[in-house]
């Protein structure tokens, strides 16, 4: 059984909150969680309960999978969504270049495994 890395969860919450240009106080208000608890969660100074995780996910407009990403053994669906969001504003030429970089990186990583 893999231990839960609350640091990963806290960092994901912080990253998504900041991407929305929200303060901890704003997230606390929308999620119904004390501002000090948001700070503690983001710093992994406390473990969060399932109801708290769900409240934060709902407030941020994301799935709980997106918040616990990195702790999941099966999380490719989250990775695909993240990649899709990154590519959403790219031109066709940019997507071709990025695809080539991914293919090259994948080859390099797989060759390292075999050496």
N, C-alpha and C. Protein backbone atom coordinates (compact mmCIF):
# COMPACT_ATOMS: atom_id res chain seq x y z
N UNK A 1 0.85 -1.19 0.00
CA UNK A 1 0.00 0.00 0.00
C UNK A 1 0.89 1.24 0.00
N UNK A 2 0.66 2.09 -0.93
CA UNK A 2 1.43 3.32 -1.06
C UNK A 2 0.88 4.37 -0.08
N UNK A 3 1.80 5.05 0.60
CA UNK A 3 1.38 6.13 1.50
C UNK A 3 0.90 7.31 0.69
N UNK A 4 -0.05 8.04 1.23
CA UNK A 4 -0.56 9.25 0.57
C UNK A 4 0.44 10.38 0.77
N UNK A 5 0.81 11.02 -0.30
CA UNK A 5 1.70 12.18 -0.24
C UNK A 5 0.84 13.44 -0.20
N UNK A 6 0.62 13.95 1.00
CA UNK A 6 -0.22 15.13 1.16
C UNK A 6 0.44 16.39 0.59
N UNK A 7 1.75 16.34 0.43
CA UNK A 7 2.47 17.46 -0.19
C UNK A 7 2.06 17.63 -1.65
N UNK A 8 1.90 16.50 -2.35
CA UNK A 8 1.46 16.54 -3.75
C UNK A 8 0.06 17.14 -3.83
N UNK A 9 -0.82 16.71 -2.96
CA UNK A 9 -2.20 17.22 -2.96
C UNK A 9 -2.21 18.71 -2.67
N UNK A 10 -1.50 19.11 -1.65
CA UNK A 10 -1.44 20.53 -1.29
C UNK A 10 -0.89 21.39 -2.41
N UNK A 11 0.14 20.89 -3.07
CA UNK A 11 0.75 21.64 -4.18
C UNK A 11 -0.22 21.76 -5.35
N UNK A 12 -0.95 20.68 -5.66
CA UNK A 12 -1.93 20.73 -6.75
C UNK A 12 -3.03 21.74 -6.43
N UNK A 13 -3.51 21.74 -5.17
CA UNK A 13 -4.53 22.70 -4.77
C UNK A 13 -3.99 24.11 -4.93
N UNK A 14 -2.80 24.34 -4.47
CA UNK A 14 -2.17 25.67 -4.56
C UNK A 14 -2.01 26.09 -6.01
N UNK A 15 -1.50 25.19 -6.86
CA UNK A 15 -1.27 25.51 -8.27
C UNK A 15 -2.58 25.88 -8.97
N UNK A 16 -3.62 25.10 -8.73
CA UNK A 16 -4.91 25.37 -9.38
C UNK A 16 -5.49 26.68 -8.84
N UNK A 17 -5.39 26.89 -7.53
CA UNK A 17 -5.90 28.13 -6.92
C UNK A 17 -5.20 29.34 -7.53
N UNK A 18 -3.88 29.27 -7.64
CA UNK A 18 -3.10 30.39 -8.18
C UNK A 18 -3.42 30.60 -9.66
N UNK A 19 -3.63 29.51 -10.41
CA UNK A 19 -3.96 29.64 -11.83
C UNK A 19 -5.28 30.39 -12.02
N UNK A 20 -6.14 30.32 -11.01
CA UNK A 20 -7.41 31.05 -11.04
C UNK A 20 -7.28 32.45 -10.45
N UNK A 21 -6.06 32.77 -9.98
CA UNK A 21 -5.76 34.05 -9.34
C UNK A 21 -6.63 34.27 -8.11
N UNK A 22 -6.80 33.19 -7.34
CA UNK A 22 -7.57 33.24 -6.11
C UNK A 22 -6.63 33.29 -4.92
N UNK A 23 -7.05 33.97 -3.88
CA UNK A 23 -6.33 33.94 -2.61
C UNK A 23 -6.79 32.72 -1.83
N UNK A 24 -6.05 32.39 -0.80
CA UNK A 24 -6.49 31.30 0.08
C UNK A 24 -7.81 31.67 0.73
N UNK A 25 -7.98 32.93 1.06
CA UNK A 25 -9.22 33.38 1.70
C UNK A 25 -10.41 33.18 0.76
N UNK A 26 -10.21 33.45 -0.52
CA UNK A 26 -11.30 33.28 -1.50
C UNK A 26 -11.66 31.80 -1.63
N UNK A 27 -10.65 30.93 -1.74
CA UNK A 27 -10.92 29.49 -1.81
C UNK A 27 -11.63 29.03 -0.54
N UNK A 28 -11.20 29.53 0.59
CA UNK A 28 -11.82 29.15 1.86
C UNK A 28 -13.30 29.54 1.88
N UNK A 29 -13.58 30.75 1.41
CA UNK A 29 -14.96 31.23 1.39
C UNK A 29 -15.84 30.37 0.50
N UNK A 30 -15.36 30.04 -0.69
CA UNK A 30 -16.15 29.25 -1.64
C UNK A 30 -16.31 27.81 -1.18
N UNK A 31 -15.27 27.26 -0.58
CA UNK A 31 -15.30 25.85 -0.17
C UNK A 31 -15.91 25.63 1.21
N UNK A 32 -16.05 26.71 1.98
CA UNK A 32 -16.59 26.58 3.33
C UNK A 32 -15.59 26.04 4.33
N UNK A 33 -14.32 26.21 4.02
CA UNK A 33 -13.25 25.72 4.88
C UNK A 33 -12.53 26.92 5.47
N UNK A 34 -12.08 26.80 6.70
CA UNK A 34 -11.36 27.90 7.35
C UNK A 34 -10.10 28.27 6.57
N UNK A 35 -9.82 29.58 6.42
CA UNK A 35 -8.62 30.00 5.69
C UNK A 35 -7.34 29.38 6.23
N UNK A 36 -7.24 29.26 7.54
CA UNK A 36 -6.03 28.66 8.12
C UNK A 36 -5.89 27.20 7.70
N UNK A 37 -7.02 26.50 7.52
CA UNK A 37 -6.96 25.11 7.06
C UNK A 37 -6.48 25.01 5.62
N UNK A 38 -6.88 25.97 4.78
CA UNK A 38 -6.40 25.98 3.39
C UNK A 38 -4.88 26.11 3.40
N UNK A 39 -4.36 27.00 4.20
CA UNK A 39 -2.92 27.19 4.31
C UNK A 39 -2.23 25.91 4.77
N UNK A 40 -2.78 25.29 5.80
CA UNK A 40 -2.20 24.04 6.32
C UNK A 40 -2.24 22.93 5.29
N UNK A 41 -3.32 22.84 4.53
CA UNK A 41 -3.46 21.80 3.51
C UNK A 41 -2.44 22.03 2.40
N UNK A 42 -2.31 23.26 1.94
CA UNK A 42 -1.38 23.57 0.86
C UNK A 42 0.07 23.30 1.27
N UNK A 43 0.38 23.46 2.54
CA UNK A 43 1.75 23.21 3.03
C UNK A 43 1.94 21.79 3.53
N UNK A 44 0.90 20.98 3.42
CA UNK A 44 0.92 19.59 3.91
C UNK A 44 1.21 19.52 5.40
N UNK A 45 0.78 20.55 6.11
CA UNK A 45 0.96 20.57 7.56
C UNK A 45 -0.17 19.82 8.27
N UNK A 46 -1.17 19.41 7.50
CA UNK A 46 -2.28 18.65 8.04
C UNK A 46 -2.81 17.71 6.97
N UNK A 47 -3.41 16.62 7.41
CA UNK A 47 -4.06 15.71 6.48
C UNK A 47 -5.47 16.22 6.25
N UNK A 48 -5.96 16.07 5.04
CA UNK A 48 -7.32 16.52 4.79
C UNK A 48 -8.26 15.33 4.67
N UNK A 49 -9.48 15.54 5.12
CA UNK A 49 -10.49 14.49 5.08
C UNK A 49 -11.11 14.42 3.69
N UNK A 50 -11.81 13.35 3.41
CA UNK A 50 -12.49 13.20 2.13
C UNK A 50 -13.53 14.31 1.93
N UNK A 51 -14.37 14.65 2.93
CA UNK A 51 -15.31 15.76 2.72
C UNK A 51 -14.60 17.09 2.40
N UNK A 52 -13.46 17.33 3.04
CA UNK A 52 -12.70 18.55 2.76
C UNK A 52 -12.15 18.52 1.35
N UNK A 53 -11.60 17.38 0.93
CA UNK A 53 -11.08 17.24 -0.43
C UNK A 53 -12.18 17.50 -1.46
N UNK A 54 -13.35 16.95 -1.23
CA UNK A 54 -14.46 17.14 -2.15
C UNK A 54 -14.91 18.60 -2.17
N UNK A 55 -14.97 19.24 -1.03
CA UNK A 55 -15.35 20.66 -0.97
C UNK A 55 -14.37 21.52 -1.76
N UNK A 56 -13.10 21.25 -1.61
CA UNK A 56 -12.08 22.02 -2.32
C UNK A 56 -12.16 21.74 -3.82
N UNK A 57 -12.31 20.48 -4.20
CA UNK A 57 -12.43 20.14 -5.62
C UNK A 57 -13.63 20.84 -6.25
N UNK A 58 -14.76 20.79 -5.57
CA UNK A 58 -15.96 21.45 -6.09
C UNK A 58 -15.76 22.96 -6.22
N UNK A 59 -15.13 23.56 -5.23
CA UNK A 59 -14.89 25.00 -5.26
C UNK A 59 -13.97 25.38 -6.42
N UNK A 60 -12.95 24.55 -6.66
CA UNK A 60 -11.99 24.83 -7.74
C UNK A 60 -12.52 24.41 -9.11
N UNK A 61 -13.59 23.64 -9.13
CA UNK A 61 -14.16 23.18 -10.39
C UNK A 61 -13.34 22.10 -11.06
N UNK A 62 -12.73 21.23 -10.24
CA UNK A 62 -11.91 20.13 -10.75
C UNK A 62 -12.38 18.83 -10.12
N UNK A 63 -11.87 17.71 -10.63
CA UNK A 63 -12.19 16.42 -10.03
C UNK A 63 -11.23 16.14 -8.87
N UNK A 64 -11.63 15.25 -8.01
CA UNK A 64 -10.73 14.86 -6.93
C UNK A 64 -9.50 14.16 -7.49
N UNK A 65 -9.66 13.46 -8.62
CA UNK A 65 -8.51 12.82 -9.28
C UNK A 65 -7.44 13.84 -9.62
N UNK A 66 -7.86 15.01 -10.08
CA UNK A 66 -6.90 16.04 -10.44
C UNK A 66 -6.11 16.52 -9.22
N UNK A 67 -6.75 16.51 -8.06
CA UNK A 67 -6.08 16.95 -6.84
C UNK A 67 -5.16 15.88 -6.27
N UNK A 68 -5.54 14.62 -6.40
CA UNK A 68 -4.71 13.57 -5.82
C UNK A 68 -3.78 12.95 -6.85
N UNK A 69 -3.78 13.51 -8.05
CA UNK A 69 -2.88 13.07 -9.12
C UNK A 69 -1.46 13.01 -8.56
N UNK A 70 -0.76 11.95 -8.84
CA UNK A 70 0.58 11.76 -8.28
C UNK A 70 0.54 10.72 -7.17
N UNK A 71 -0.63 10.55 -6.57
CA UNK A 71 -0.83 9.52 -5.57
C UNK A 71 -1.53 8.30 -6.18
N UNK A 72 -2.06 8.46 -7.39
CA UNK A 72 -2.82 7.39 -8.03
C UNK A 72 -1.91 6.47 -8.84
N UNK A 73 -2.15 5.18 -8.75
CA UNK A 73 -1.40 4.23 -9.57
C UNK A 73 -1.90 4.29 -11.01
N UNK A 74 -3.18 4.53 -11.18
CA UNK A 74 -3.77 4.62 -12.52
C UNK A 74 -4.29 6.05 -12.69
N UNK A 75 -3.53 6.86 -13.40
CA UNK A 75 -3.91 8.27 -13.53
C UNK A 75 -3.72 8.82 -14.93
N UNK A 76 -3.65 7.95 -15.92
CA UNK A 76 -3.40 8.44 -17.28
C UNK A 76 -4.50 9.37 -17.76
N UNK A 77 -5.74 9.17 -17.31
CA UNK A 77 -6.83 10.05 -17.73
C UNK A 77 -6.59 11.49 -17.28
N UNK A 78 -5.97 11.66 -16.12
CA UNK A 78 -5.65 13.00 -15.64
C UNK A 78 -4.53 13.59 -16.47
N UNK A 79 -3.53 12.77 -16.79
CA UNK A 79 -2.42 13.23 -17.62
C UNK A 79 -2.91 13.67 -18.99
N UNK A 80 -3.79 12.90 -19.58
CA UNK A 80 -4.32 13.24 -20.89
C UNK A 80 -5.07 14.57 -20.83
N UNK A 81 -5.85 14.77 -19.78
CA UNK A 81 -6.58 16.04 -19.64
C UNK A 81 -5.61 17.21 -19.49
N UNK A 82 -4.55 17.02 -18.70
CA UNK A 82 -3.56 18.09 -18.52
C UNK A 82 -2.89 18.43 -19.84
N UNK A 83 -2.52 17.42 -20.61
CA UNK A 83 -1.88 17.64 -21.91
C UNK A 83 -2.85 18.34 -22.86
N UNK A 84 -4.09 17.90 -22.86
CA UNK A 84 -5.11 18.52 -23.72
C UNK A 84 -5.26 20.01 -23.40
N UNK A 85 -5.27 20.35 -22.12
CA UNK A 85 -5.39 21.75 -21.72
C UNK A 85 -4.16 22.55 -22.17
N UNK A 86 -2.98 21.95 -22.06
CA UNK A 86 -1.77 22.63 -22.49
C UNK A 86 -1.75 22.89 -24.00
N UNK A 87 -2.34 21.98 -24.74
CA UNK A 87 -2.33 22.09 -26.20
C UNK A 87 -3.51 22.91 -26.75
N UNK A 88 -4.47 23.21 -25.92
CA UNK A 88 -5.72 23.82 -26.39
C UNK A 88 -5.53 25.13 -27.15
N UNK A 89 -4.49 25.90 -26.85
CA UNK A 89 -4.30 27.17 -27.53
C UNK A 89 -3.12 27.15 -28.50
N UNK A 90 -2.66 25.95 -28.86
CA UNK A 90 -1.52 25.82 -29.77
C UNK A 90 -1.99 25.75 -31.23
N UNK A 91 -1.14 26.25 -32.10
CA UNK A 91 -1.40 26.14 -33.53
C UNK A 91 -1.06 24.71 -33.97
N UNK A 92 -1.47 24.37 -35.19
CA UNK A 92 -1.18 23.04 -35.72
C UNK A 92 0.33 22.81 -35.79
N UNK A 93 1.07 23.83 -36.18
CA UNK A 93 2.52 23.71 -36.27
C UNK A 93 3.14 23.49 -34.88
N UNK A 94 2.65 24.21 -33.88
CA UNK A 94 3.14 24.02 -32.51
C UNK A 94 2.85 22.61 -32.02
N UNK A 95 1.67 22.10 -32.32
CA UNK A 95 1.31 20.74 -31.89
C UNK A 95 2.22 19.71 -32.54
N UNK A 96 2.55 19.90 -33.82
CA UNK A 96 3.47 18.99 -34.50
C UNK A 96 4.84 19.00 -33.81
N UNK A 97 5.32 20.19 -33.47
CA UNK A 97 6.63 20.31 -32.81
C UNK A 97 6.60 19.66 -31.43
N UNK A 98 5.54 19.88 -30.70
CA UNK A 98 5.41 19.30 -29.36
C UNK A 98 5.31 17.78 -29.45
N UNK A 99 4.57 17.28 -30.43
CA UNK A 99 4.46 15.83 -30.63
C UNK A 99 5.83 15.21 -30.92
N UNK A 100 6.62 15.88 -31.72
CA UNK A 100 7.97 15.40 -32.01
C UNK A 100 8.83 15.37 -30.75
N UNK A 101 8.71 16.42 -29.92
CA UNK A 101 9.46 16.46 -28.65
C UNK A 101 9.04 15.31 -27.74
N UNK A 102 7.74 15.04 -27.68
CA UNK A 102 7.25 13.94 -26.85
C UNK A 102 7.79 12.61 -27.35
N UNK A 103 7.73 12.41 -28.66
CA UNK A 103 8.22 11.16 -29.25
C UNK A 103 9.71 10.97 -28.96
N UNK A 104 10.49 12.03 -29.13
CA UNK A 104 11.92 11.97 -28.86
C UNK A 104 12.20 11.69 -27.39
N UNK A 105 11.50 12.39 -26.52
CA UNK A 105 11.68 12.20 -25.07
C UNK A 105 11.32 10.78 -24.67
N UNK A 106 10.24 10.26 -25.22
CA UNK A 106 9.81 8.89 -24.92
C UNK A 106 10.88 7.89 -25.34
N UNK A 107 11.45 8.09 -26.51
CA UNK A 107 12.52 7.20 -27.00
C UNK A 107 13.73 7.26 -26.07
N UNK A 108 14.12 8.45 -25.68
CA UNK A 108 15.27 8.61 -24.78
C UNK A 108 15.01 7.91 -23.45
N UNK A 109 13.83 8.13 -22.87
CA UNK A 109 13.50 7.52 -21.59
C UNK A 109 13.48 6.00 -21.67
N UNK A 110 12.95 5.47 -22.74
CA UNK A 110 12.90 4.01 -22.89
C UNK A 110 14.29 3.43 -23.14
N UNK A 111 15.13 4.15 -23.84
CA UNK A 111 16.50 3.68 -24.06
C UNK A 111 17.29 3.70 -22.76
N UNK A 112 17.02 4.65 -21.87
CA UNK A 112 17.71 4.70 -20.57
C UNK A 112 17.34 3.48 -19.72
N UNK A 113 16.10 3.02 -19.82
CA UNK A 113 15.66 1.86 -19.05
C UNK A 113 16.43 0.60 -19.45
N UNK A 114 16.84 0.54 -20.70
CA UNK A 114 17.49 -0.66 -21.23
C UNK A 114 19.00 -0.59 -21.13
N UNK A 115 19.54 0.48 -20.58
CA UNK A 115 21.00 0.57 -20.46
C UNK A 115 21.47 0.32 -19.06
